[in-house]
Amino acid sequence: QAPGKERESVAIIKWDGESQYYADSVKGRFTISK
């Protein structure tokens, strides 16, 4: 969440690691892992 903006999702990893989600704005730059 940036000042003056609403909260947005960035990246998600499913509990079993089978799928991930990335916002279009961060694809190719950010990586989620656990």
All heavy atoms as atom14 arrays in JSON, in Angstrom:
{
  "sequence": "QAPGKERESVAIIKWDGESQYYADSVKGRFTISK",
  "atom14_mask": [
    [1, 1, 1, 1, 1, 1, 1, 1, 1, 0, 0, 0, 0, 0],
    [1, 1, 1, 1, 1, 0, 0, 0, 0, 0, 0, 0, 0, 0],
    [1, 1, 1, 1, 1, 1, 1, 0, 0, 0, 0, 0, 0, 0],
    [1, 1, 1, 1, 0, 0, 0, 0, 0, 0, 0, 0, 0, 0],
    [1, 1, 1, 1, 1, 1, 1, 1, 1, 0, 0, 0, 0, 0],
    [1, 1, 1, 1, 1, 1, 1, 1, 1, 0, 0, 0, 0, 0],
    [1, 1, 1, 1, 1, 1, 1, 1, 1, 1, 1, 0, 0, 0],
    [1, 1, 1, 1, 1, 1, 1, 1, 1, 0, 0, 0, 0, 0],
    [1, 1, 1, 1, 1, 1, 0, 0, 0, 0, 0, 0, 0, 0],
    [1, 1, 1, 1, 1, 1, 1, 0, 0, 0, 0, 0, 0, 0],
    [1, 1, 1, 1, 1, 0, 0, 0, 0, 0, 0, 0, 0, 0],
    [1, 1, 1, 1, 1, 1, 1, 1, 0, 0, 0, 0, 0, 0],
    [1, 1, 1, 1, 1, 1, 1, 1, 0, 0, 0, 0, 0, 0],
    [1, 1, 1, 1, 1, 1, 1, 1, 1, 0, 0, 0, 0, 0],
    [1, 1, 1, 1, 1, 1, 1, 1, 1, 1, 1, 1, 1, 1],
    [1, 1, 1, 1, 1, 1, 1, 1, 0, 0, 0, 0, 0, 0],
    [1, 1, 1, 1, 0, 0, 0, 0, 0, 0, 0, 0, 0, 0],
    [1, 1, 1, 1, 1, 1, 1, 1, 1, 0, 0, 0, 0, 0],
    [1, 1, 1, 1, 1, 1, 0, 0, 0, 0, 0, 0, 0, 0],
    [1, 1, 1, 1, 1, 1, 1, 1, 1, 0, 0, 0, 0, 0],
    [1, 1, 1, 1, 1, 1, 1, 1, 1, 1, 1, 1, 0, 0],
    [1, 1, 1, 1, 1, 1, 1, 1, 1, 1, 1, 1, 0, 0],
    [1, 1, 1, 1, 1, 0, 0, 0, 0, 0, 0, 0, 0, 0],
    [1, 1, 1, 1, 1, 1, 1, 1, 0, 0, 0, 0, 0, 0],
    [1, 1, 1, 1, 1, 1, 0, 0, 0, 0, 0, 0, 0, 0],
    [1, 1, 1, 1, 1, 1, 1, 0, 0, 0, 0, 0, 0, 0],
    [1, 1, 1, 1, 1, 1, 1, 1, 1, 0, 0, 0, 0, 0],
    [1, 1, 1, 1, 0, 0, 0, 0, 0, 0, 0, 0, 0, 0],
    [1, 1, 1, 1, 1, 1, 1, 1, 1, 1, 1, 0, 0, 0],
    [1, 1, 1, 1, 1, 1, 1, 1, 1, 1, 1, 0, 0, 0],
    [1, 1, 1, 1, 1, 1, 1, 0, 0, 0, 0, 0, 0, 0],
    [1, 1, 1, 1, 1, 1, 1, 1, 0, 0, 0, 0, 0, 0],
    [1, 1, 1, 1, 1, 1, 0, 0, 0, 0, 0, 0, 0, 0],
    [1, 1, 1, 1, 1, 1, 1, 1, 1, 0, 0, 0, 0, 0]
  ],
  "atom14_positions": [
    [[0.84, -1.18, 0.0], [0.0, 0.0, 0.0], [0.88, 1.24, 0.0], [1.7, 1.43, 0.9], [-0.93, 0.02, 1.21], [-1.95, 1.15, 1.16], [-3.05, 0.96, 2.18], [-2.85, 0.35, 3.22], [-4.22, 1.5, 1.88], [0.0, 0.0, 0.0], [0.0, 0.0, 0.0], [0.0, 0.0, 0.0], [0.0, 0.0, 0.0], [0.0, 0.0, 0.0]],
    [[0.72, 2.06, -1.02], [1.43, 3.32, -1.13], [0.56, 4.44, -0.58], [-0.67, 4.32, -0.54], [1.8, 3.6, -2.58], [0.0, 0.0, 0.0], [0.0, 0.0, 0.0], [0.0, 0.0, 0.0], [0.0, 0.0, 0.0], [0.0, 0.0, 0.0], [0.0, 0.0, 0.0], [0.0, 0.0, 0.0], [0.0, 0.0, 0.0], [0.0, 0.0, 0.0]],
    [[1.17, 5.56, -0.15], [0.37, 6.68, 0.37], [-0.67, 7.15, -0.64], [-0.37, 7.35, -1.81], [1.43, 7.76, 0.61], [2.69, 7.01, 0.84], [2.61, 5.83, -0.08], [0.0, 0.0, 0.0], [0.0, 0.0, 0.0], [0.0, 0.0, 0.0], [0.0, 0.0, 0.0], [0.0, 0.0, 0.0], [0.0, 0.0, 0.0], [0.0, 0.0, 0.0]],
    [[-1.9, 7.29, -0.18], [-2.98, 7.76, -1.02], [-3.54, 6.73, -1.98], [-4.42, 7.06, -2.78], [0.0, 0.0, 0.0], [0.0, 0.0, 0.0], [0.0, 0.0, 0.0], [0.0, 0.0, 0.0], [0.0, 0.0, 0.0], [0.0, 0.0, 0.0], [0.0, 0.0, 0.0], [0.0, 0.0, 0.0], [0.0, 0.0, 0.0], [0.0, 0.0, 0.0]],
    [[-3.08, 5.5, -1.9], [-3.56, 4.44, -2.78], [-4.12, 3.29, -1.96], [-3.8, 3.12, -0.79], [-2.43, 3.94, -3.68], [-1.84, 4.98, -4.61], [-0.73, 4.41, -5.47], [-1.25, 3.35, -6.43], [-0.15, 2.84, -7.31], [0.0, 0.0, 0.0], [0.0, 0.0, 0.0], [0.0, 0.0, 0.0], [0.0, 0.0, 0.0], [0.0, 0.0, 0.0]],
    [[-4.97, 2.5, -2.59], [-5.53, 1.35, -1.91], [-4.54, 0.19, -1.93], [-3.62, 0.13, -2.74], [-6.85, 0.93, -2.56], [-6.74, 0.47, -3.99], [-8.09, 0.16, -4.61], [-9.1, 0.63, -4.06], [-8.13, -0.56, -5.62], [0.0, 0.0, 0.0], [0.0, 0.0, 0.0], [0.0, 0.0, 0.0], [0.0, 0.0, 0.0], [0.0, 0.0, 0.0]],
    [[-4.74, -0.73, -1.01], [-3.88, -1.9, -0.93], [-4.03, -2.77, -2.18], [-5.14, -2.95, -2.69], [-4.24, -2.71, 0.32], [-3.32, -3.88, 0.59], [-3.75, -4.58, 1.88], [-5.07, -5.14, 1.75], [-5.82, -5.54, 2.77], [-5.36, -5.41, 4.01], [-7.02, -6.05, 2.55], [0.0, 0.0, 0.0], [0.0, 0.0, 0.0], [0.0, 0.0, 0.0]],
    [[-2.92, -3.29, -2.66], [-2.95, -4.13, -3.84], [-2.16, -5.41, -3.59], [-1.2, -5.43, -2.83], [-2.39, -3.4, -5.06], [-0.93, -3.0, -4.93], [-0.39, -2.35, -6.18], [-1.03, -2.45, -7.25], [0.68, -1.71, -6.1], [0.0, 0.0, 0.0], [0.0, 0.0, 0.0], [0.0, 0.0, 0.0], [0.0, 0.0, 0.0], [0.0, 0.0, 0.0]],
    [[-2.57, -6.47, -4.24], [-1.85, -7.72, -4.16], [-0.59, -7.65, -5.0], [-0.56, -7.0, -6.05], [-2.73, -8.89, -4.6], [-3.16, -8.72, -5.93], [0.0, 0.0, 0.0], [0.0, 0.0, 0.0], [0.0, 0.0, 0.0], [0.0, 0.0, 0.0], [0.0, 0.0, 0.0], [0.0, 0.0, 0.0], [0.0, 0.0, 0.0], [0.0, 0.0, 0.0]],
    [[0.45, -8.34, -4.56], [1.74, -8.35, -5.24], [2.1, -9.75, -5.72], [2.39, -9.96, -6.89], [2.85, -7.8, -4.34], [4.21, -7.9, -5.03], [2.55, -6.36, -3.95], [0.0, 0.0, 0.0], [0.0, 0.0, 0.0], [0.0, 0.0, 0.0], [0.0, 0.0, 0.0], [0.0, 0.0, 0.0], [0.0, 0.0, 0.0], [0.0, 0.0, 0.0]],
    [[2.09, -10.71, -4.81], [2.47, -12.08, -5.13], [1.86, -13.02, -4.11], [1.72, -12.67, -2.94], [3.99, -12.24, -5.15], [0.0, 0.0, 0.0], [0.0, 0.0, 0.0], [0.0, 0.0, 0.0], [0.0, 0.0, 0.0], [0.0, 0.0, 0.0], [0.0, 0.0, 0.0], [0.0, 0.0, 0.0], [0.0, 0.0, 0.0], [0.0, 0.0, 0.0]],
    [[1.51, -14.22, -4.56], [0.89, -15.23, -3.7], [1.45, -16.59, -4.07], [1.66, -16.89, -5.25], [-0.64, -15.24, -3.85], [-1.23, -13.87, -3.51], [-1.27, -16.33, -2.98], [-2.67, -13.71, -3.94], [0.0, 0.0, 0.0], [0.0, 0.0, 0.0], [0.0, 0.0, 0.0], [0.0, 0.0, 0.0], [0.0, 0.0, 0.0], [0.0, 0.0, 0.0]],
    [[1.68, -17.42, -3.06], [2.09, -18.8, -3.29], [1.11, -19.72, -2.55], [0.84, -19.54, -1.37], [3.55, -19.05, -2.87], [3.97, -20.48, -3.22], [3.77, -18.75, -1.39], [5.49, -20.69, -3.14], [0.0, 0.0, 0.0], [0.0, 0.0, 0.0], [0.0, 0.0, 0.0], [0.0, 0.0, 0.0], [0.0, 0.0, 0.0], [0.0, 0.0, 0.0]],
    [[0.55, -20.7, -3.27], [-0.41, -21.62, -2.7], [0.26, -22.52, -1.65], [1.46, -22.8, -1.76], [-1.04, -22.47, -3.8], [-2.23, -23.32, -3.39], [-2.96, -23.85, -4.62], [-4.12, -24.76, -4.23], [-3.64, -26.11, -3.84], [0.0, 0.0, 0.0], [0.0, 0.0, 0.0], [0.0, 0.0, 0.0], [0.0, 0.0, 0.0], [0.0, 0.0, 0.0]],
    [[-0.5, -22.96, -0.7], [0.03, -23.71, 0.43], [0.88, -24.91, 0.02], [1.87, -25.23, 0.69], [-1.1, -24.17, 1.36], [-2.08, -25.12, 0.71], [-3.19, -24.79, 0.0], [-2.0, -26.54, 0.72], [-3.83, -25.92, -0.45], [-3.11, -27.02, -0.01], [-1.12, -27.46, 1.27], [-3.35, -28.37, -0.21], [-1.36, -28.81, 1.09], [-2.46, -29.25, 0.35]],
    [[0.5, -25.57, -1.08], [1.24, -26.74, -1.54], [2.29, -26.39, -2.6], [2.94, -27.29, -3.13], [0.3, -27.81, -2.07], [-0.57, -27.34, -3.23], [-0.4, -26.19, -3.67], [-1.43, -28.11, -3.68], [0.0, 0.0, 0.0], [0.0, 0.0, 0.0], [0.0, 0.0, 0.0], [0.0, 0.0, 0.0], [0.0, 0.0, 0.0], [0.0, 0.0, 0.0]],
    [[2.44, -25.12, -2.92], [3.42, -24.68, -3.89], [3.05, -24.94, -5.33], [3.87, -24.68, -6.23], [0.0, 0.0, 0.0], [0.0, 0.0, 0.0], [0.0, 0.0, 0.0], [0.0, 0.0, 0.0], [0.0, 0.0, 0.0], [0.0, 0.0, 0.0], [0.0, 0.0, 0.0], [0.0, 0.0, 0.0], [0.0, 0.0, 0.0], [0.0, 0.0, 0.0]],
    [[1.85, -25.42, -5.6], [1.45, -25.83, -6.95], [1.13, -24.66, -7.87], [1.15, -24.81, -9.09], [0.25, -26.77, -6.89], [0.58, -28.15, -6.37], [1.53, -28.89, -7.29], [1.3, -28.9, -8.51], [2.51, -29.46, -6.78], [0.0, 0.0, 0.0], [0.0, 0.0, 0.0], [0.0, 0.0, 0.0], [0.0, 0.0, 0.0], [0.0, 0.0, 0.0]],
    [[0.83, -23.5, -7.31], [0.53, -22.35, -8.16], [0.97, -21.06, -7.46], [1.09, -21.01, -6.24], [-0.96, -22.29, -8.5], [-1.76, -22.21, -7.34], [0.0, 0.0, 0.0], [0.0, 0.0, 0.0], [0.0, 0.0, 0.0], [0.0, 0.0, 0.0], [0.0, 0.0, 0.0], [0.0, 0.0, 0.0], [0.0, 0.0, 0.0], [0.0, 0.0, 0.0]],
    [[1.19, -20.04, -8.28], [1.58, -18.73, -7.79], [0.81, -17.65, -8.52], [0.32, -17.86, -9.63], [3.08, -18.5, -7.97], [3.97, -19.44, -7.19], [5.43, -19.19, -7.44], [5.82, -18.27, -8.15], [6.28, -20.01, -6.83], [0.0, 0.0, 0.0], [0.0, 0.0, 0.0], [0.0, 0.0, 0.0], [0.0, 0.0, 0.0], [0.0, 0.0, 0.0]],
    [[0.7, -16.51, -7.91], [0.08, -15.34, -8.51], [1.04, -14.16, -8.42], [1.71, -13.98, -7.4], [-1.23, -14.99, -7.77], [-1.7, -13.57, -8.01], [-2.56, -13.28, -9.06], [-1.28, -12.53, -7.18], [-2.99, -11.99, -9.29], [-1.71, -11.24, -7.41], [-2.55, -10.97, -8.46], [-2.97, -9.69, -8.68], [0.0, 0.0, 0.0], [0.0, 0.0, 0.0]],
    [[1.1, -13.38, -9.5], [1.87, -12.14, -9.5], [1.05, -11.04, -10.14], [0.37, -11.27, -11.15], [3.18, -12.28, -10.27], [4.18, -13.2, -9.63], [4.29, -14.53, -10.03], [5.01, -12.74, -8.62], [5.21, -15.37, -9.44], [5.94, -13.58, -8.02], [6.03, -14.89, -8.44], [6.94, -15.73, -7.85], [0.0, 0.0, 0.0], [0.0, 0.0, 0.0]],
    [[1.12, -9.86, -9.56], [0.52, -8.71, -10.21], [1.27, -8.41, -11.5], [2.48, -8.62, -11.6], [0.59, -7.5, -9.28], [0.0, 0.0, 0.0], [0.0, 0.0, 0.0], [0.0, 0.0, 0.0], [0.0, 0.0, 0.0], [0.0, 0.0, 0.0], [0.0, 0.0, 0.0], [0.0, 0.0, 0.0], [0.0, 0.0, 0.0], [0.0, 0.0, 0.0]],
    [[0.55, -7.91, -12.51], [1.18, -7.61, -13.78], [2.35, -6.64, -13.63], [3.35, -6.74, -14.36], [0.15, -7.02, -14.75], [-0.84, -8.04, -15.26], [-0.56, -9.25, -15.16], [-1.9, -7.62, -15.77], [0.0, 0.0, 0.0], [0.0, 0.0, 0.0], [0.0, 0.0, 0.0], [0.0, 0.0, 0.0], [0.0, 0.0, 0.0], [0.0, 0.0, 0.0]],
    [[2.25, -5.73, -12.68], [3.26, -4.7, -12.51], [4.59, -5.25, -11.99], [5.61, -4.56, -12.08], [2.76, -3.61, -11.57], [2.43, -4.15, -10.3], [0.0, 0.0, 0.0], [0.0, 0.0, 0.0], [0.0, 0.0, 0.0], [0.0, 0.0, 0.0], [0.0, 0.0, 0.0], [0.0, 0.0, 0.0], [0.0, 0.0, 0.0], [0.0, 0.0, 0.0]],
    [[4.6, -6.46, -11.45], [5.82, -7.02, -10.87], [6.28, -8.29, -11.56], [7.35, -8.82, -11.21], [5.68, -7.28, -9.36], [5.18, -6.03, -8.65], [4.75, -8.45, -9.08], [0.0, 0.0, 0.0], [0.0, 0.0, 0.0], [0.0, 0.0, 0.0], [0.0, 0.0, 0.0], [0.0, 0.0, 0.0], [0.0, 0.0, 0.0], [0.0, 0.0, 0.0]],
    [[5.53, -8.8, -12.52], [5.91, -10.03, -13.21], [7.28, -9.88, -13.86], [7.57, -8.88, -14.52], [4.87, -10.4, -14.27], [3.59, -10.96, -13.7], [2.61, -11.32, -14.81], [1.33, -11.91, -14.22], [0.32, -12.19, -15.28], [0.0, 0.0, 0.0], [0.0, 0.0, 0.0], [0.0, 0.0, 0.0], [0.0, 0.0, 0.0], [0.0, 0.0, 0.0]],
    [[8.11, -10.89, -13.67], [9.46, -10.87, -14.21], [10.46, -10.17, -13.34], [11.67, -10.26, -13.61], [0.0, 0.0, 0.0], [0.0, 0.0, 0.0], [0.0, 0.0, 0.0], [0.0, 0.0, 0.0], [0.0, 0.0, 0.0], [0.0, 0.0, 0.0], [0.0, 0.0, 0.0], [0.0, 0.0, 0.0], [0.0, 0.0, 0.0], [0.0, 0.0, 0.0]],
    [[10.0, -9.47, -12.3], [10.9, -8.75, -11.4], [10.87, -9.3, -9.97], [11.91, -9.31, -9.31], [10.55, -7.26, -11.36], [10.65, -6.57, -12.72], [10.5, -5.06, -12.57], [9.19, -4.69, -12.04], [9.0, -4.02, -10.91], [10.05, -3.63, -10.17], [7.78, -3.71, -10.51], [0.0, 0.0, 0.0], [0.0, 0.0, 0.0], [0.0, 0.0, 0.0]],
    [[9.7, -9.73, -9.51], [9.54, -10.23, -8.14], [9.34, -11.73, -8.16], [8.73, -12.28, -9.09], [8.33, -9.59, -7.47], [8.46, -8.12, -7.15], [9.49, -7.35, -7.66], [7.52, -7.51, -6.33], [9.6, -6.01, -7.37], [7.61, -6.17, -6.03], [8.65, -5.41, -6.55], [0.0, 0.0, 0.0], [0.0, 0.0, 0.0], [0.0, 0.0, 0.0]],
    [[9.8, -12.41, -7.11], [9.62, -13.84, -6.95], [9.23, -14.15, -5.52], [9.9, -13.72, -4.58], [10.9, -14.61, -7.3], [11.31, -14.3, -8.64], [10.66, -16.12, -7.19], [0.0, 0.0, 0.0], [0.0, 0.0, 0.0], [0.0, 0.0, 0.0], [0.0, 0.0, 0.0], [0.0, 0.0, 0.0], [0.0, 0.0, 0.0], [0.0, 0.0, 0.0]],
    [[8.14, -14.9, -5.35], [7.73, -15.35, -4.03], [8.19, -16.78, -3.83], [8.15, -17.6, -4.75], [6.2, -15.21, -3.84], [5.81, -15.49, -2.39], [5.43, -16.11, -4.8], [4.36, -15.14, -2.07], [0.0, 0.0, 0.0], [0.0, 0.0, 0.0], [0.0, 0.0, 0.0], [0.0, 0.0, 0.0], [0.0, 0.0, 0.0], [0.0, 0.0, 0.0]],
    [[8.63, -17.09, -2.63], [9.07, -18.44, -2.3], [8.86, -18.66, -0.81], [8.59, -17.72, -0.06], [10.54, -18.65, -2.67], [11.38, -17.78, -1.94], [0.0, 0.0, 0.0], [0.0, 0.0, 0.0], [0.0, 0.0, 0.0], [0.0, 0.0, 0.0], [0.0, 0.0, 0.0], [0.0, 0.0, 0.0], [0.0, 0.0, 0.0], [0.0, 0.0, 0.0]],
    [[8.96, -19.91, -0.38], [8.83, -20.19, 1.04], [9.77, -21.31, 1.46], [10.15, -22.16, 0.66], [7.39, -20.53, 1.42], [6.84, -21.8, 0.79], [5.45, -22.09, 1.34], [4.88, -23.38, 0.79], [3.58, -23.72, 1.44], [0.0, 0.0, 0.0], [0.0, 0.0, 0.0], [0.0, 0.0, 0.0], [0.0, 0.0, 0.0], [0.0, 0.0, 0.0]]
  ]
}
